[in-house]
Amino acid sequence: MEEQAIARLMELDARAFEISAGREKQLADIERRYKEEEQKMIKDFTRRIEDETREIAQKILQEGQQEVEKLNLKTGEILENMEREFEKSRKDMTDEILKRIFDVKRENHG
């Protein structure tokens, strides 16, 4: 009977070892899959961040270009207005000088 008990204990020990080894293998497999999934998620997040960063940078560049175009248009308008004002002032000054010349001549001949 004692031999049967020892044999049974040895069987139970062997079975416990098999179960423990199986569990260790399962845990190692789960850990490996977890790490693979973690790496996959990291790569996916990194790709998303890069894509979003690229989109945001492109949007900023487009908005900047639009602002530059607006400023160029506004600058062109300002220059045109300045040229018109300059021409008007030049004409007014020329007219005033001519008027004074004619007024002086009239006074001298008059």
C-alpha atoms as a PDB file:
ATOM      1  CA  MET A   1       0.000   0.000   0.000  1.00  0.00           C
ATOM      2  CA  GLU A   2       2.844   2.314   0.831  1.00  0.00           C
ATOM      3  CA  GLU A   3       4.344   1.654  -2.589  1.00  0.00           C
ATOM      4  CA  GLN A   4       1.022   2.495  -4.197  1.00  0.00           C
ATOM      5  CA  ALA A   5       0.877   5.743  -2.252  1.00  0.00           C
ATOM      6  CA  ILE A   6       4.419   6.615  -3.256  1.00  0.00           C
ATOM      7  CA  ALA A   7       3.684   5.704  -6.878  1.00  0.00           C
ATOM      8  CA  ARG A   8       0.497   7.795  -6.743  1.00  0.00           C
ATOM      9  CA  LEU A   9       2.422  10.726  -5.246  1.00  0.00           C
ATOM     10  CA  MET A  10       5.041  10.363  -7.965  1.00  0.00           C
ATOM     11  CA  GLU A  11       2.285  10.344 -10.613  1.00  0.00           C
ATOM     12  CA  LEU A  12       0.699  13.410  -9.052  1.00  0.00           C
ATOM     13  CA  ASP A  13       4.104  15.095  -8.885  1.00  0.00           C
ATOM     14  CA  ALA A  14       4.783  14.279 -12.538  1.00  0.00           C
ATOM     15  CA  ARG A  15       1.314  15.510 -13.481  1.00  0.00           C
ATOM     16  CA  ALA A  16       1.822  18.703 -11.443  1.00  0.00           C
ATOM     17  CA  PHE A  17       5.156  19.196 -13.207  1.00  0.00           C
ATOM     18  CA  GLU A  18       3.455  18.716 -16.603  1.00  0.00           C
ATOM     19  CA  ILE A  19       0.692  21.126 -15.667  1.00  0.00           C
ATOM     20  CA  SER A  20       3.248  23.632 -14.343  1.00  0.00           C
ATOM     21  CA  ALA A  21       5.378  23.289 -17.499  1.00  0.00           C
ATOM     22  CA  GLY A  22       2.244  23.700 -19.635  1.00  0.00           C
ATOM     23  CA  ARG A  23       1.273  26.805 -17.690  1.00  0.00           C
ATOM     24  CA  GLU A  24       4.785  28.218 -18.056  1.00  0.00           C
ATOM     25  CA  LYS A  25       4.605  27.583 -21.788  1.00  0.00           C
ATOM     26  CA  GLN A  26       1.167  29.236 -21.975  1.00  0.00           C
ATOM     27  CA  LEU A  27       2.436  32.202 -19.962  1.00  0.00           C
ATOM     28  CA  ALA A  28       5.482  32.535 -22.212  1.00  0.00           C
ATOM     29  CA  ASP A  29       3.218  32.363 -25.279  1.00  0.00           C
ATOM     30  CA  ILE A  30       0.837  34.956 -23.810  1.00  0.00           C
ATOM     31  CA  GLU A  31       3.783  37.220 -22.948  1.00  0.00           C
ATOM     32  CA  ARG A  32       5.199  36.855 -26.492  1.00  0.00           C
ATOM     33  CA  ARG A  33       1.795  37.674 -28.045  1.00  0.00           C
ATOM     34  CA  TYR A  34       1.391  40.609 -25.661  1.00  0.00           C
ATOM     35  CA  LYS A  35       4.796  42.004 -26.661  1.00  0.00           C
ATOM     36  CA  GLU A  36       3.997  41.505 -30.361  1.00  0.00           C
ATOM     37  CA  GLU A  37       0.670  43.285 -29.913  1.00  0.00           C
ATOM     38  CA  GLU A  38       2.371  46.036 -27.924  1.00  0.00           C
ATOM     39  CA  GLN A  39       4.945  46.549 -30.704  1.00  0.00           C
ATOM     40  CA  LYS A  40       2.166  46.534 -33.303  1.00  0.00           C
ATOM     41  CA  MET A  41       0.264  49.187 -31.321  1.00  0.00           C
ATOM     42  CA  ILE A  42       3.408  51.304 -30.904  1.00  0.00           C
ATOM     43  CA  LYS A  43       4.095  51.136 -34.650  1.00  0.00           C
ATOM     44  CA  ASP A  44       0.450  51.975 -35.397  1.00  0.00           C
ATOM     45  CA  PHE A  45       0.437  54.936 -33.003  1.00  0.00           C
ATOM     46  CA  THR A  46       3.779  56.139 -34.361  1.00  0.00           C
ATOM     47  CA  ARG A  47       2.440  55.954 -37.928  1.00  0.00           C
ATOM     48  CA  ARG A  48      -0.741  57.800 -36.911  1.00  0.00           C
ATOM     49  CA  ILE A  49       1.254  60.509 -35.153  1.00  0.00           C
ATOM     50  CA  GLU A  50       3.519  60.907 -38.187  1.00  0.00           C
ATOM     51  CA  ASP A  51       0.500  61.057 -40.524  1.00  0.00           C
ATOM     52  CA  GLU A  52      -1.298  63.597 -38.348  1.00  0.00           C
ATOM     53  CA  THR A  53       1.880  65.645 -37.943  1.00  0.00           C
ATOM     54  CA  ARG A  54       2.370  65.646 -41.712  1.00  0.00           C
ATOM     55  CA  GLU A  55      -1.270  66.697 -42.267  1.00  0.00           C
ATOM     56  CA  ILE A  56      -1.022  69.469 -39.670  1.00  0.00           C
ATOM     57  CA  ALA A  57       2.262  70.718 -41.135  1.00  0.00           C
ATOM     58  CA  GLN A  58       0.713  70.715 -44.623  1.00  0.00           C
ATOM     59  CA  LYS A  59      -2.309  72.633 -43.334  1.00  0.00           C
ATOM     60  CA  ILE A  60      -0.057  75.180 -41.597  1.00  0.00           C
ATOM     61  CA  LEU A  61       1.963  75.615 -44.792  1.00  0.00           C
ATOM     62  CA  GLN A  62      -1.216  76.109 -46.839  1.00  0.00           C
ATOM     63  CA  GLU A  63      -2.573  78.644 -44.366  1.00  0.00           C
ATOM     64  CA  GLY A  64       0.782  80.422 -44.344  1.00  0.00           C
ATOM     65  CA  GLN A  65       0.823  80.519 -48.137  1.00  0.00           C
ATOM     66  CA  GLN A  66      -2.713  81.920 -48.154  1.00  0.00           C
ATOM     67  CA  GLU A  67      -1.663  84.618 -45.685  1.00  0.00           C
ATOM     68  CA  VAL A  68       1.350  85.475 -47.855  1.00  0.00           C
ATOM     69  CA  GLU A  69      -0.927  85.738 -50.898  1.00  0.00           C
ATOM     70  CA  LYS A  70      -3.337  87.986 -48.968  1.00  0.00           C
ATOM     71  CA  LEU A  71      -0.452  90.173 -47.815  1.00  0.00           C
ATOM     72  CA  ASN A  72       0.892  90.376 -51.378  1.00  0.00           C
ATOM     73  CA  LEU A  73      -2.532  91.447 -52.651  1.00  0.00           C
ATOM     74  CA  LYS A  74      -2.896  93.978 -49.864  1.00  0.00           C
ATOM     75  CA  THR A  75       0.630  95.277 -50.485  1.00  0.00           C
ATOM     76  CA  GLY A  76      -0.168  95.612 -54.188  1.00  0.00           C
ATOM     77  CA  GLU A  77      -3.334  97.552 -53.375  1.00  0.00           C
ATOM     78  CA  ILE A  78      -1.442  99.801 -50.961  1.00  0.00           C
ATOM     79  CA  LEU A  79       1.245 100.478 -53.580  1.00  0.00           C
ATOM     80  CA  GLU A  80      -1.406 101.300 -56.180  1.00  0.00           C
ATOM     81  CA  ASN A  81      -3.109 103.673 -53.733  1.00  0.00           C
ATOM     82  CA  MET A  82       0.228 105.306 -52.911  1.00  0.00           C
ATOM     83  CA  GLU A  83       1.006 105.732 -56.620  1.00  0.00           C
ATOM     84  CA  ARG A  84      -2.427 107.310 -57.202  1.00  0.00           C
ATOM     85  CA  GLU A  85      -1.965 109.630 -54.232  1.00  0.00           C
ATOM     86  CA  PHE A  86       1.539 110.527 -55.408  1.00  0.00           C
ATOM     87  CA  GLU A  87       0.295 111.261 -58.934  1.00  0.00           C
ATOM     88  CA  LYS A  88      -2.592 113.327 -57.544  1.00  0.00           C
ATOM     89  CA  SER A  89      -0.253 115.265 -55.244  1.00  0.00           C
ATOM     90  CA  ARG A  90       2.237 115.785 -58.080  1.00  0.00           C
ATOM     91  CA  LYS A  91      -0.536 117.031 -60.360  1.00  0.00           C
ATOM     92  CA  ASP A  92      -1.938 119.296 -57.643  1.00  0.00           C
ATOM     93  CA  MET A  93       1.535 120.715 -56.945  1.00  0.00           C
ATOM     94  CA  THR A  94       2.221 121.175 -60.665  1.00  0.00           C
ATOM     95  CA  ASP A  95      -1.129 122.917 -61.121  1.00  0.00           C
ATOM     96  CA  GLU A  96      -0.456 125.135 -58.101  1.00  0.00           C
ATOM     97  CA  ILE A  97       3.038 126.071 -59.403  1.00  0.00           C
ATOM     98  CA  LEU A  98       1.662 126.835 -62.875  1.00  0.00           C
ATOM     99  CA  LYS A  99      -1.156 128.892 -61.352  1.00  0.00           C
ATOM    100  CA  ARG A 100       1.318 130.936 -59.336  1.00  0.00           C
ATOM    101  CA  ILE A 101       3.537 131.435 -62.396  1.00  0.00           C
ATOM    102  CA  PHE A 102       0.550 132.664 -64.396  1.00  0.00           C
ATOM    103  CA  ASP A 103      -0.582 134.848 -61.484  1.00  0.00           C
ATOM    104  CA  VAL A 104       2.909 136.416 -61.313  1.00  0.00           C
ATOM    105  CA  LYS A 105       2.963 136.988 -65.089  1.00  0.00           C
ATOM    106  CA  ARG A 106      -0.480 138.592 -64.986  1.00  0.00           C
ATOM    107  CA  GLU A 107       0.623 140.887 -62.210  1.00  0.00           C
ATOM    108  CA  ASN A 108       3.736 141.830 -64.159  1.00  0.00           C
ATOM    109  CA  HIS A 109       1.884 142.366 -67.450  1.00  0.00           C
ATOM    110  CA  GLY A 110      -1.293 143.445 -66.102  1.00  0.00           C
END
